């Protein structure tokens, strides 16, 4: 096992889980501002998942999904991706464009643009929350919307994920507006140096620095 993978001990994972949950809640606030209506998020589930297991979380490597990808630069370098099954991506576009359920039948340029904006907004709010907790700077790149099989998207992540271990943080989050619900996943892939920096700062699971 690599040194970076060894940094994922139980204590560090508990720290990352709390930071990630705060990030998802902040992402919901950003989505609320985008839609002009209250968007809530159920308590997200966080897990440490190996790269090889990731496709199984979305129905297998041949399952078609939408990935909204951002590269993270700065002290908190890494990658972040919002992953949605196709049907949930269509539902999300209808939600943010304030259209009836089922309006979107395919991901045209309008839908892709809406998804890019959602990814940019939610991931930026997510990173802002993590930055506030850790004191580490983060600058997200413009979002890239990918529509492909889960295995193919994972290959892109692996190729560009230099300096990380064998595991990533996966958050399952359900965003709701009224009686409408969209289930999504955030794949958070910090570089190993980021994990070391967080551990050295002594940030405790109660949200306070030691």
N, C-alpha and C. Protein backbone atom coordinates (compact mmCIF):
# COMPACT_ATOMS: atom_id res chain seq x y z
N UNK A 1 0.85 -1.20 0.00
CA UNK A 1 0.00 0.00 0.00
C UNK A 1 0.88 1.24 0.00
N UNK A 2 0.52 2.27 -0.76
CA UNK A 2 1.33 3.47 -0.88
C UNK A 2 1.27 4.29 0.39
N UNK A 3 2.26 5.22 0.55
CA UNK A 3 2.26 6.08 1.72
C UNK A 3 1.02 6.94 1.77
N UNK A 4 0.55 7.42 0.58
CA UNK A 4 -0.64 8.27 0.57
C UNK A 4 -1.86 7.50 1.03
N UNK A 5 -1.93 6.23 0.67
CA UNK A 5 -3.07 5.43 1.12
C UNK A 5 -3.02 5.23 2.62
N UNK A 6 -1.79 5.12 3.17
CA UNK A 6 -1.67 4.93 4.61
C UNK A 6 -2.15 6.14 5.39
N UNK A 7 -2.17 7.32 4.75
CA UNK A 7 -2.63 8.51 5.47
C UNK A 7 -4.12 8.47 5.74
N UNK A 8 -4.83 7.59 5.06
CA UNK A 8 -6.28 7.49 5.26
C UNK A 8 -6.58 6.64 6.49
N UNK A 9 -6.10 7.06 7.63
CA UNK A 9 -6.43 6.32 8.84
C UNK A 9 -7.80 6.74 9.34
N UNK A 10 -8.28 6.07 10.36
CA UNK A 10 -9.64 6.31 10.83
C UNK A 10 -9.84 7.75 11.29
N UNK A 11 -8.84 8.32 11.96
CA UNK A 11 -8.98 9.69 12.47
C UNK A 11 -9.07 10.69 11.32
N UNK A 12 -8.18 10.53 10.34
CA UNK A 12 -8.20 11.45 9.21
C UNK A 12 -9.48 11.32 8.42
N UNK A 13 -9.98 10.09 8.27
CA UNK A 13 -11.23 9.90 7.54
C UNK A 13 -12.38 10.61 8.25
N UNK A 14 -12.41 10.55 9.58
CA UNK A 14 -13.47 11.24 10.31
C UNK A 14 -13.39 12.74 10.09
N UNK A 15 -12.18 13.27 9.98
CA UNK A 15 -12.01 14.69 9.69
C UNK A 15 -12.54 15.02 8.30
N UNK A 16 -12.13 14.21 7.32
CA UNK A 16 -12.54 14.45 5.94
C UNK A 16 -14.05 14.33 5.78
N UNK A 17 -14.66 13.39 6.48
CA UNK A 17 -16.11 13.21 6.39
C UNK A 17 -16.84 14.47 6.85
N UNK A 18 -16.43 15.02 7.98
CA UNK A 18 -17.10 16.21 8.50
C UNK A 18 -16.91 17.39 7.57
N UNK A 19 -15.70 17.57 7.06
CA UNK A 19 -15.45 18.67 6.13
C UNK A 19 -16.27 18.50 4.87
N UNK A 20 -16.35 17.25 4.37
CA UNK A 20 -17.09 17.01 3.14
C UNK A 20 -18.59 17.25 3.34
N UNK A 21 -19.12 16.86 4.49
CA UNK A 21 -20.54 17.08 4.76
C UNK A 21 -20.85 18.56 4.83
N UNK A 22 -19.98 19.32 5.46
CA UNK A 22 -20.19 20.76 5.49
C UNK A 22 -20.14 21.33 4.07
N UNK A 23 -19.25 20.77 3.26
CA UNK A 23 -19.14 21.23 1.89
C UNK A 23 -20.41 20.97 1.09
N UNK A 24 -21.01 19.80 1.25
CA UNK A 24 -22.24 19.47 0.53
C UNK A 24 -23.39 20.38 0.97
N UNK A 25 -23.47 20.65 2.27
CA UNK A 25 -24.52 21.56 2.75
C UNK A 25 -24.34 22.95 2.15
N UNK A 26 -23.10 23.38 2.03
CA UNK A 26 -22.84 24.68 1.42
C UNK A 26 -23.18 24.66 -0.06
N UNK A 27 -22.94 23.52 -0.71
CA UNK A 27 -23.30 23.38 -2.12
C UNK A 27 -24.81 23.52 -2.31
N UNK A 28 -25.59 22.99 -1.36
CA UNK A 28 -27.05 23.12 -1.44
C UNK A 28 -27.46 24.58 -1.32
N UNK A 29 -26.75 25.35 -0.51
CA UNK A 29 -27.05 26.77 -0.40
C UNK A 29 -26.77 27.48 -1.73
N UNK A 30 -25.69 27.08 -2.38
CA UNK A 30 -25.39 27.67 -3.68
C UNK A 30 -26.44 27.33 -4.71
N UNK A 31 -26.94 26.10 -4.68
CA UNK A 31 -27.97 25.67 -5.62
C UNK A 31 -29.28 26.41 -5.34
N UNK A 32 -29.53 26.70 -4.07
CA UNK A 32 -30.72 27.48 -3.72
C UNK A 32 -30.65 28.86 -4.35
N UNK A 33 -29.48 29.48 -4.29
CA UNK A 33 -29.32 30.79 -4.90
C UNK A 33 -29.49 30.75 -6.40
N UNK A 34 -29.07 29.65 -7.02
CA UNK A 34 -29.18 29.52 -8.47
C UNK A 34 -30.63 29.37 -8.91
N UNK A 35 -31.41 28.58 -8.16
CA UNK A 35 -32.79 28.32 -8.54
C UNK A 35 -33.76 29.36 -8.01
N UNK A 36 -33.34 30.14 -7.02
CA UNK A 36 -34.22 31.12 -6.42
C UNK A 36 -35.21 30.52 -5.45
N UNK A 37 -35.07 29.24 -5.16
CA UNK A 37 -35.93 28.55 -4.20
C UNK A 37 -35.07 27.70 -3.28
N UNK A 38 -35.64 27.35 -2.14
CA UNK A 38 -34.90 26.57 -1.15
C UNK A 38 -34.62 25.16 -1.67
N UNK A 39 -33.35 24.82 -1.72
CA UNK A 39 -32.93 23.46 -2.05
C UNK A 39 -32.28 22.87 -0.81
N UNK A 40 -32.81 21.78 -0.35
CA UNK A 40 -32.30 21.13 0.85
C UNK A 40 -31.44 19.94 0.45
N UNK A 41 -30.63 19.48 1.38
CA UNK A 41 -29.83 18.29 1.14
C UNK A 41 -29.95 17.39 2.36
N UNK A 42 -30.25 16.14 2.11
CA UNK A 42 -30.28 15.18 3.21
C UNK A 42 -28.86 14.97 3.72
N UNK A 43 -28.74 14.54 4.97
CA UNK A 43 -27.41 14.32 5.54
C UNK A 43 -26.62 13.40 4.63
N UNK A 44 -25.57 13.92 4.00
CA UNK A 44 -24.84 13.10 3.03
C UNK A 44 -24.08 11.96 3.69
N UNK A 45 -23.93 10.87 2.94
CA UNK A 45 -23.16 9.73 3.40
C UNK A 45 -21.77 9.82 2.80
N UNK A 46 -20.76 9.69 3.65
CA UNK A 46 -19.37 9.74 3.18
C UNK A 46 -18.72 8.38 3.35
N UNK A 47 -17.90 8.00 2.38
CA UNK A 47 -17.22 6.71 2.45
C UNK A 47 -15.87 6.82 1.76
N UNK A 48 -14.95 6.00 2.20
CA UNK A 48 -13.65 5.87 1.56
C UNK A 48 -13.73 4.69 0.61
N UNK A 49 -13.54 4.93 -0.67
CA UNK A 49 -13.77 3.90 -1.68
C UNK A 49 -12.53 3.75 -2.55
N UNK A 50 -12.18 2.50 -2.88
CA UNK A 50 -11.05 2.27 -3.77
C UNK A 50 -11.45 2.60 -5.20
N UNK A 51 -10.49 2.95 -6.03
CA UNK A 51 -10.77 3.29 -7.42
C UNK A 51 -11.49 2.15 -8.13
N UNK A 52 -11.09 0.92 -7.85
CA UNK A 52 -11.67 -0.21 -8.56
C UNK A 52 -13.15 -0.41 -8.23
N UNK A 53 -13.59 0.08 -7.07
CA UNK A 53 -14.99 -0.10 -6.66
C UNK A 53 -15.90 1.00 -7.17
N UNK A 54 -15.35 2.10 -7.65
CA UNK A 54 -16.16 3.25 -8.02
C UNK A 54 -17.25 2.96 -9.04
N UNK A 55 -16.97 2.24 -10.14
CA UNK A 55 -18.04 2.01 -11.12
C UNK A 55 -19.25 1.28 -10.54
N UNK A 56 -19.02 0.44 -9.54
CA UNK A 56 -20.14 -0.30 -8.95
C UNK A 56 -21.10 0.61 -8.20
N UNK A 57 -20.66 1.80 -7.83
CA UNK A 57 -21.53 2.73 -7.12
C UNK A 57 -22.57 3.36 -8.03
N UNK A 58 -22.36 3.25 -9.34
CA UNK A 58 -23.30 3.85 -10.29
C UNK A 58 -23.89 2.81 -11.24
N UNK A 59 -23.80 1.53 -10.84
CA UNK A 59 -24.43 0.48 -11.63
C UNK A 59 -23.51 -0.33 -12.51
N UNK A 60 -22.19 -0.14 -12.37
CA UNK A 60 -21.24 -0.91 -13.15
C UNK A 60 -20.47 -0.07 -14.14
N UNK A 61 -19.34 -0.58 -14.64
CA UNK A 61 -18.47 0.21 -15.53
C UNK A 61 -19.11 0.59 -16.86
N UNK A 62 -20.14 -0.16 -17.30
CA UNK A 62 -20.77 0.14 -18.59
C UNK A 62 -22.00 1.03 -18.44
N UNK A 63 -22.32 1.42 -17.21
CA UNK A 63 -23.47 2.29 -16.97
C UNK A 63 -23.15 3.70 -17.44
N UNK A 64 -24.01 4.28 -18.26
CA UNK A 64 -23.78 5.64 -18.74
C UNK A 64 -24.13 6.64 -17.66
N UNK A 65 -23.22 7.57 -17.43
CA UNK A 65 -23.41 8.58 -16.39
C UNK A 65 -22.95 9.93 -16.92
N UNK A 66 -23.27 10.95 -16.15
CA UNK A 66 -22.79 12.30 -16.42
C UNK A 66 -21.80 12.67 -15.33
N UNK A 67 -20.65 13.15 -15.74
CA UNK A 67 -19.65 13.61 -14.80
C UNK A 67 -19.34 15.08 -15.05
N UNK A 68 -19.44 15.89 -14.01
CA UNK A 68 -19.10 17.32 -14.11
C UNK A 68 -17.79 17.49 -13.34
N UNK A 69 -16.73 17.70 -14.08
CA UNK A 69 -15.37 17.59 -13.56
C UNK A 69 -14.72 18.96 -13.38
N UNK A 70 -14.04 19.14 -12.25
CA UNK A 70 -13.25 20.34 -12.01
C UNK A 70 -11.90 19.94 -11.42
N UNK A 71 -10.86 20.57 -11.92
CA UNK A 71 -9.53 20.40 -11.37
C UNK A 71 -9.35 21.45 -10.27
N UNK A 72 -8.75 21.05 -9.17
CA UNK A 72 -8.54 21.96 -8.04
C UNK A 72 -7.06 22.34 -7.98
N UNK A 73 -6.79 23.63 -7.97
CA UNK A 73 -5.43 24.12 -7.86
C UNK A 73 -5.29 24.95 -6.59
N UNK A 74 -4.05 25.17 -6.17
CA UNK A 74 -3.80 25.90 -4.94
C UNK A 74 -3.25 24.97 -3.87
N UNK A 75 -3.36 25.39 -2.61
CA UNK A 75 -2.85 24.55 -1.52
C UNK A 75 -3.65 23.26 -1.39
N UNK A 76 -4.93 23.31 -1.72
CA UNK A 76 -5.78 22.13 -1.62
C UNK A 76 -5.98 21.54 -3.02
N UNK A 77 -4.90 21.11 -3.63
CA UNK A 77 -4.95 20.63 -5.01
C UNK A 77 -5.55 19.23 -5.08
N UNK A 78 -6.13 18.94 -6.24
CA UNK A 78 -6.76 17.64 -6.44
C UNK A 78 -7.81 17.72 -7.53
N UNK A 79 -8.83 16.91 -7.41
CA UNK A 79 -9.91 16.87 -8.37
C UNK A 79 -11.24 16.69 -7.64
N UNK A 80 -12.29 17.16 -8.26
CA UNK A 80 -13.63 16.94 -7.72
C UNK A 80 -14.58 16.73 -8.90
N UNK A 81 -15.49 15.79 -8.75
CA UNK A 81 -16.43 15.49 -9.82
C UNK A 81 -17.82 15.23 -9.24
N UNK A 82 -18.81 15.84 -9.85
CA UNK A 82 -20.20 15.57 -9.51
C UNK A 82 -20.70 14.52 -10.49
N UNK A 83 -21.12 13.36 -9.97
CA UNK A 83 -21.54 12.22 -10.80
C UNK A 83 -23.04 12.02 -10.68
N UNK A 84 -23.72 11.88 -11.83
CA UNK A 84 -25.17 11.65 -11.84
C UNK A 84 -25.52 10.60 -12.89
N UNK A 85 -26.43 9.67 -12.57
CA UNK A 85 -26.99 8.83 -13.63
C UNK A 85 -27.72 9.72 -14.64
N UNK A 86 -27.86 9.24 -15.87
CA UNK A 86 -28.46 10.05 -16.92
C UNK A 86 -29.84 10.57 -16.52
N UNK A 87 -30.69 9.70 -15.96
CA UNK A 87 -32.04 10.14 -15.62
C UNK A 87 -32.03 11.22 -14.54
N UNK A 88 -31.08 11.13 -13.61
CA UNK A 88 -30.98 12.15 -12.57
C UNK A 88 -30.41 13.46 -13.12
N UNK A 89 -29.53 13.35 -14.10
CA UNK A 89 -29.00 14.56 -14.75
C UNK A 89 -30.11 15.30 -15.48
N UNK A 90 -30.98 14.56 -16.16
CA UNK A 90 -32.12 15.18 -16.84
C UNK A 90 -33.06 15.84 -15.83
N UNK A 91 -33.30 15.15 -14.72
CA UNK A 91 -34.16 15.71 -13.68
C UNK A 91 -33.55 16.97 -13.09
N UNK A 92 -32.23 16.97 -12.93
CA UNK A 92 -31.56 18.14 -12.36
C UNK A 92 -31.69 19.34 -13.29
N UNK A 93 -31.56 19.12 -14.59
CA UNK A 93 -31.70 20.25 -15.51
C UNK A 93 -33.11 20.82 -15.47
N UNK A 94 -34.10 19.94 -15.37
CA UNK A 94 -35.47 20.44 -15.25
C UNK A 94 -35.66 21.22 -13.96
N UNK A 95 -35.01 20.74 -12.90
CA UNK A 95 -35.16 21.41 -11.60
C UNK A 95 -34.56 22.81 -11.65
N UNK A 96 -33.33 22.94 -12.17
CA UNK A 96 -32.67 24.25 -12.13
C UNK A 96 -33.24 25.20 -13.19
N UNK A 97 -33.82 24.65 -14.25
CA UNK A 97 -34.44 25.50 -15.28
C UNK A 97 -35.92 25.75 -15.01
N UNK A 98 -36.37 25.23 -13.84
CA UNK A 98 -37.76 25.44 -13.40
C UNK A 98 -38.76 24.94 -14.44
N UNK A 99 -38.54 23.70 -14.87
CA UNK A 99 -39.43 23.09 -15.85
C UNK A 99 -40.11 21.87 -15.24
N UNK A 100 -41.24 21.46 -15.76
CA UNK A 100 -41.92 20.26 -15.24
C UNK A 100 -41.04 19.03 -15.39
N UNK A 101 -41.22 18.07 -14.49
CA UNK A 101 -40.48 16.82 -14.55
C UNK A 101 -40.72 16.13 -15.89
N UNK A 102 -39.65 15.67 -16.50
CA UNK A 102 -39.76 14.96 -17.77
C UNK A 102 -39.63 15.84 -19.00
N UNK A 103 -39.43 17.14 -18.80
CA UNK A 103 -39.28 18.03 -19.95
C UNK A 103 -38.03 17.67 -20.75
N UNK A 104 -36.91 17.49 -20.05
CA UNK A 104 -35.65 17.16 -20.72
C UNK A 104 -35.67 15.70 -21.16
N UNK A 105 -35.50 15.48 -22.45
CA UNK A 105 -35.46 14.12 -23.00
C UNK A 105 -34.04 13.70 -23.36
N UNK A 106 -33.18 14.68 -23.57
CA UNK A 106 -31.78 14.43 -23.92
C UNK A 106 -30.95 15.60 -23.42
N UNK A 107 -29.65 15.38 -23.37
CA UNK A 107 -28.76 16.42 -22.88
C UNK A 107 -28.24 17.24 -24.06
N UNK A 108 -29.06 18.20 -24.46
CA UNK A 108 -28.69 19.11 -25.54
C UNK A 108 -27.74 20.16 -25.01
N UNK A 109 -27.38 21.12 -25.86
CA UNK A 109 -26.45 22.17 -25.43
C UNK A 109 -27.00 22.97 -24.26
N UNK A 110 -28.32 23.20 -24.22
CA UNK A 110 -28.91 23.94 -23.11
C UNK A 110 -28.76 23.17 -21.80
N UNK A 111 -29.07 21.86 -21.86
CA UNK A 111 -28.97 21.04 -20.66
C UNK A 111 -27.51 20.92 -20.19
N UNK A 112 -26.61 20.76 -21.15
CA UNK A 112 -25.19 20.66 -20.79
C UNK A 112 -24.71 21.96 -20.13
N UNK A 113 -25.15 23.09 -20.66
CA UNK A 113 -24.77 24.38 -20.09
C UNK A 113 -25.29 24.50 -18.66
N UNK A 114 -26.53 24.05 -18.45
CA UNK A 114 -27.12 24.11 -17.10
C UNK A 114 -26.34 23.21 -16.14
N UNK A 115 -25.97 22.03 -16.60
CA UNK A 115 -25.21 21.11 -15.76
C UNK A 115 -23.83 21.67 -15.43
N UNK A 116 -23.21 22.31 -16.43
CA UNK A 116 -21.90 22.91 -16.18
C UNK A 116 -21.99 23.99 -15.11
N UNK A 117 -23.06 24.79 -15.17
CA UNK A 117 -23.24 25.84 -14.18
C UNK A 117 -23.52 25.25 -12.81
N UNK A 118 -24.32 24.19 -12.77
CA UNK A 118 -24.59 23.51 -11.50
C UNK A 118 -23.29 22.97 -10.91
N UNK A 119 -22.50 22.29 -11.74
CA UNK A 119 -21.24 21.75 -11.27
C UNK A 119 -20.30 22.83 -10.78
N UNK A 120 -20.20 23.91 -11.54
CA UNK A 120 -19.33 25.01 -11.15
C UNK A 120 -19.77 25.62 -9.83
N UNK A 121 -21.07 25.84 -9.69
CA UNK A 121 -21.60 26.48 -8.48
C UNK A 121 -21.47 25.58 -7.27
N UNK A 122 -21.98 24.34 -7.38
CA UNK A 122 -21.98 23.45 -6.21
C UNK A 122 -20.55 23.09 -5.79
N UNK A 123 -19.67 22.81 -6.75
CA UNK A 123 -18.30 22.44 -6.40
C UNK A 123 -17.55 23.63 -5.83
N UNK A 124 -17.80 24.84 -6.35
CA UNK A 124 -17.15 26.03 -5.81
C UNK A 124 -17.60 26.30 -4.38
N UNK A 125 -18.91 26.20 -4.12
CA UNK A 125 -19.41 26.37 -2.77
C UNK A 125 -18.85 25.29 -1.85
N UNK A 126 -18.76 24.08 -2.39
CA UNK A 126 -18.19 22.95 -1.64
C UNK A 126 -16.76 23.29 -1.22
N UNK A 127 -15.94 23.72 -2.18
CA UNK A 127 -14.55 24.02 -1.89
C UNK A 127 -14.39 25.22 -0.96
N UNK A 128 -15.27 26.21 -1.10
CA UNK A 128 -15.21 27.38 -0.21
C UNK A 128 -15.40 26.96 1.24
N UNK A 129 -16.31 26.01 1.45
CA UNK A 129 -16.56 25.54 2.80
C UNK A 129 -15.35 24.80 3.36
N UNK A 130 -14.74 23.94 2.53
CA UNK A 130 -13.56 23.21 2.97
C UNK A 130 -12.40 24.17 3.24
N UNK A 131 -12.24 25.17 2.39
CA UNK A 131 -11.17 26.16 2.57
C UNK A 131 -11.34 26.91 3.89
N UNK A 132 -12.59 27.25 4.20
CA UNK A 132 -12.86 27.98 5.45
C UNK A 132 -12.50 27.13 6.66
N UNK A 133 -12.71 25.83 6.58
CA UNK A 133 -12.44 24.94 7.70
C UNK A 133 -10.95 24.65 7.84
N UNK A 134 -10.24 24.53 6.72
CA UNK A 134 -8.84 24.11 6.77
C UNK A 134 -7.84 25.26 6.68
N UNK A 135 -8.29 26.40 6.12
CA UNK A 135 -7.36 27.49 5.88
C UNK A 135 -6.52 27.29 4.63
N UNK A 136 -6.83 26.25 3.84
CA UNK A 136 -6.09 25.96 2.62
C UNK A 136 -6.80 26.59 1.43
N UNK A 137 -6.05 27.24 0.56
CA UNK A 137 -6.65 27.88 -0.61
C UNK A 137 -6.98 26.85 -1.68
N UNK A 138 -8.01 27.14 -2.48
CA UNK A 138 -8.41 26.24 -3.56
C UNK A 138 -9.01 27.05 -4.69
N UNK A 139 -8.57 26.77 -5.92
CA UNK A 139 -9.08 27.46 -7.10
C UNK A 139 -9.58 26.41 -8.09
N UNK A 140 -10.90 26.33 -8.28
CA UNK A 140 -11.42 25.34 -9.23
C UNK A 140 -11.28 25.80 -10.67
N UNK A 141 -11.04 24.87 -11.56
CA UNK A 141 -10.99 25.16 -12.99
C UNK A 141 -12.41 25.30 -13.53
N UNK A 142 -12.58 25.80 -14.75
CA UNK A 142 -13.91 25.76 -15.37
C UNK A 142 -14.38 24.31 -15.46
N UNK A 143 -15.69 24.08 -15.34
CA UNK A 143 -16.19 22.70 -15.35
C UNK A 143 -16.19 22.09 -16.75
N UNK A 144 -15.99 20.78 -16.78
CA UNK A 144 -16.10 20.02 -18.02
C UNK A 144 -17.19 18.97 -17.83
N UNK A 145 -18.17 18.96 -18.72
CA UNK A 145 -19.27 18.00 -18.63
C UNK A 145 -18.95 16.80 -19.52
N UNK A 146 -18.91 15.62 -18.91
CA UNK A 146 -18.62 14.39 -19.64
C UNK A 146 -19.81 13.46 -19.57
N UNK A 147 -20.17 12.87 -20.70
CA UNK A 147 -21.25 11.87 -20.75
C UNK A 147 -20.65 10.62 -21.35
N UNK A 148 -20.50 9.60 -20.52
CA UNK A 148 -19.82 8.38 -20.99
C UNK A 148 -20.12 7.26 -20.00
N UNK A 149 -19.59 6.08 -20.30
CA UNK A 149 -19.70 4.97 -19.38
C UNK A 149 -18.86 5.26 -18.14
N UNK A 150 -19.31 4.77 -17.00
CA UNK A 150 -18.63 5.05 -15.74
C UNK A 150 -17.17 4.61 -15.79
N UNK A 151 -16.91 3.48 -16.43
CA UNK A 151 -15.54 2.99 -16.53
C UNK A 151 -14.65 3.93 -17.31
N UNK A 152 -15.17 4.51 -18.38
CA UNK A 152 -14.39 5.43 -19.21
C UNK A 152 -14.09 6.72 -18.44
N UNK A 153 -15.08 7.22 -17.70
CA UNK A 153 -14.86 8.43 -16.90
C UNK A 153 -13.84 8.16 -15.80
N UNK A 154 -13.92 6.97 -15.21
CA UNK A 154 -12.95 6.62 -14.17
C UNK A 154 -11.54 6.57 -14.74
N UNK A 155 -11.40 6.09 -15.96
CA UNK A 155 -10.07 6.04 -16.60
C UNK A 155 -9.48 7.45 -16.69
N UNK A 156 -10.32 8.43 -17.02
CA UNK A 156 -9.85 9.82 -17.12
C UNK A 156 -9.37 10.30 -15.75
N UNK A 157 -10.14 9.96 -14.71
CA UNK A 157 -9.77 10.37 -13.36
C UNK A 157 -8.44 9.75 -12.96
N UNK A 158 -8.27 8.46 -13.23
CA UNK A 158 -7.05 7.76 -12.83
C UNK A 158 -5.84 8.35 -13.56
N UNK A 159 -5.99 8.62 -14.85
CA UNK A 159 -4.87 9.15 -15.65
C UNK A 159 -4.41 10.50 -15.12
N UNK A 160 -5.35 11.33 -14.71
CA UNK A 160 -5.01 12.70 -14.28
C UNK A 160 -4.79 12.81 -12.77
N UNK A 161 -4.97 11.71 -12.04
CA UNK A 161 -4.88 11.77 -10.58
C UNK A 161 -3.48 11.46 -10.09
N UNK A 162 -2.52 12.29 -10.46
CA UNK A 162 -1.17 12.09 -9.99
C UNK A 162 -1.04 12.46 -8.53
N UNK A 163 -0.24 11.68 -7.78
CA UNK A 163 0.03 12.02 -6.40
C UNK A 163 -1.06 11.64 -5.42
N UNK A 164 -1.99 10.75 -5.80
CA UNK A 164 -3.01 10.31 -4.87
C UNK A 164 -2.81 8.83 -4.57
N UNK A 165 -3.51 8.35 -3.55
CA UNK A 165 -3.41 6.96 -3.18
C UNK A 165 -4.40 6.10 -3.94
N UNK A 166 -4.78 5.00 -3.34
CA UNK A 166 -5.67 4.04 -3.99
C UNK A 166 -7.14 4.30 -3.68
N UNK A 167 -7.43 5.27 -2.84
CA UNK A 167 -8.80 5.53 -2.41
C UNK A 167 -9.17 6.99 -2.62
N UNK A 168 -10.48 7.23 -2.72
CA UNK A 168 -10.99 8.60 -2.78
C UNK A 168 -12.18 8.71 -1.84
N UNK A 169 -12.58 9.95 -1.56
CA UNK A 169 -13.75 10.20 -0.73
C UNK A 169 -14.97 10.29 -1.64
N UNK A 170 -15.99 9.51 -1.34
CA UNK A 170 -17.25 9.54 -2.09
C UNK A 170 -18.36 10.00 -1.17
N UNK A 171 -19.11 11.00 -1.62
CA UNK A 171 -20.25 11.49 -0.86
C UNK A 171 -21.52 11.26 -1.66
N UNK A 172 -22.47 10.61 -1.06
CA UNK A 172 -23.78 10.44 -1.68
C UNK A 172 -24.71 11.50 -1.09
N UNK A 173 -25.28 12.31 -1.95
CA UNK A 173 -26.13 13.40 -1.47
C UNK A 173 -27.42 13.45 -2.29
N UNK A 174 -28.53 13.71 -1.62
CA UNK A 174 -29.83 13.88 -2.27
C UNK A 174 -30.28 15.32 -2.09
N UNK A 175 -30.38 16.04 -3.20
CA UNK A 175 -30.87 17.42 -3.18
C UNK A 175 -32.37 17.41 -3.44
N UNK A 176 -33.11 18.14 -2.63
CA UNK A 176 -34.57 18.16 -2.78
C UNK A 176 -35.08 19.59 -2.88
N UNK A 177 -36.10 19.77 -3.73
CA UNK A 177 -36.81 21.04 -3.83
C UNK A 177 -38.29 20.69 -3.90
N UNK A 178 -39.01 20.96 -2.81
CA UNK A 178 -40.41 20.54 -2.73
C UNK A 178 -40.47 19.03 -2.73
N UNK A 179 -41.26 18.45 -3.67
CA UNK A 179 -41.38 17.00 -3.74
C UNK A 179 -40.44 16.40 -4.79
N UNK A 180 -39.51 17.21 -5.28
CA UNK A 180 -38.56 16.73 -6.29
C UNK A 180 -37.23 16.41 -5.64
N UNK A 181 -36.61 15.34 -6.11
CA UNK A 181 -35.36 14.88 -5.50
C UNK A 181 -34.39 14.44 -6.59
N UNK A 182 -33.13 14.83 -6.41
CA UNK A 182 -32.07 14.42 -7.32
C UNK A 182 -30.96 13.79 -6.50
N UNK A 183 -30.62 12.55 -6.83
CA UNK A 183 -29.56 11.85 -6.13
C UNK A 183 -28.25 12.00 -6.90
N UNK A 184 -27.19 12.30 -6.18
CA UNK A 184 -25.91 12.55 -6.83
C UNK A 184 -24.78 12.03 -5.96
N UNK A 185 -23.60 12.02 -6.54
CA UNK A 185 -22.39 11.66 -5.82
C UNK A 185 -21.32 12.69 -6.10
N UNK A 186 -20.55 13.03 -5.07
CA UNK A 186 -19.35 13.83 -5.24
C UNK A 186 -18.16 12.90 -5.08
N UNK A 187 -17.30 12.87 -6.07
CA UNK A 187 -16.03 12.16 -5.95
C UNK A 187 -14.97 13.19 -5.66
N UNK A 188 -14.37 13.13 -4.48
CA UNK A 188 -13.38 14.10 -4.03
C UNK A 188 -12.02 13.41 -4.00
N UNK A 189 -11.08 13.92 -4.79
CA UNK A 189 -9.79 13.25 -4.96
C UNK A 189 -8.67 14.21 -4.61
N UNK A 190 -8.34 14.34 -3.33
CA UNK A 190 -7.26 15.25 -2.95
C UNK A 190 -5.90 14.61 -3.20
N UNK A 191 -4.92 15.42 -3.51
CA UNK A 191 -3.56 14.90 -3.61
C UNK A 191 -3.07 14.54 -2.22
N UNK A 192 -2.13 13.61 -2.17
CA UNK A 192 -1.65 13.11 -0.88
C UNK A 192 -1.07 14.22 -0.01
N UNK A 193 -0.47 15.24 -0.65
CA UNK A 193 0.11 16.34 0.12
C UNK A 193 -0.96 17.13 0.87
N UNK A 194 -2.18 17.16 0.30
CA UNK A 194 -3.29 17.85 0.96
C UNK A 194 -3.67 17.13 2.25
N UNK A 195 -3.72 15.82 2.18
CA UNK A 195 -4.07 15.04 3.37
C UNK A 195 -3.03 15.24 4.46
N UNK A 196 -1.77 15.27 4.06
CA UNK A 196 -0.69 15.50 5.03
C UNK A 196 -0.83 16.87 5.67
N UNK A 197 -1.16 17.88 4.85
CA UNK A 197 -1.31 19.24 5.37
C UNK A 197 -2.46 19.32 6.37
N UNK A 198 -3.57 18.65 6.06
CA UNK A 198 -4.72 18.67 6.97
C UNK A 198 -4.36 18.00 8.28
N UNK A 199 -3.69 16.85 8.20
CA UNK A 199 -3.31 16.13 9.41
C UNK A 199 -2.34 16.96 10.26
N UNK A 200 -1.40 17.65 9.61
CA UNK A 200 -0.41 18.43 10.35
C UNK A 200 -1.02 19.65 11.00
N UNK A 201 -2.09 20.17 10.43
CA UNK A 201 -2.74 21.35 11.02
C UNK A 201 -3.47 21.00 12.31
N UNK A 202 -3.69 19.70 12.54
CA UNK A 202 -4.31 19.29 13.77
C UNK A 202 -5.78 19.63 13.86
N UNK A 203 -6.44 19.68 12.70
CA UNK A 203 -7.88 19.97 12.67
C UNK A 203 -8.63 18.79 13.25
N UNK A 204 -9.40 19.02 14.33
CA UNK A 204 -10.05 17.93 15.04
C UNK A 204 -11.44 17.68 14.50
N UNK A 205 -11.98 16.44 14.72
CA UNK A 205 -13.31 16.11 14.20
C UNK A 205 -14.43 16.98 14.75
N UNK A 206 -14.21 17.74 15.82
CA UNK A 206 -15.26 18.61 16.32
C UNK A 206 -15.28 19.95 15.60
N UNK A 207 -14.41 20.07 14.57
CA UNK A 207 -14.38 21.29 13.79
C UNK A 207 -13.48 22.36 14.35
N UNK A 208 -12.68 22.03 15.37
CA UNK A 208 -11.80 22.99 15.97
C UNK A 208 -10.35 22.56 15.74
N UNK A 209 -9.47 23.52 15.73
CA UNK A 209 -8.06 23.19 15.61
C UNK A 209 -7.52 22.89 17.00
N UNK A 210 -6.60 21.92 17.02
CA UNK A 210 -6.03 21.54 18.32
C UNK A 210 -5.02 22.57 18.80
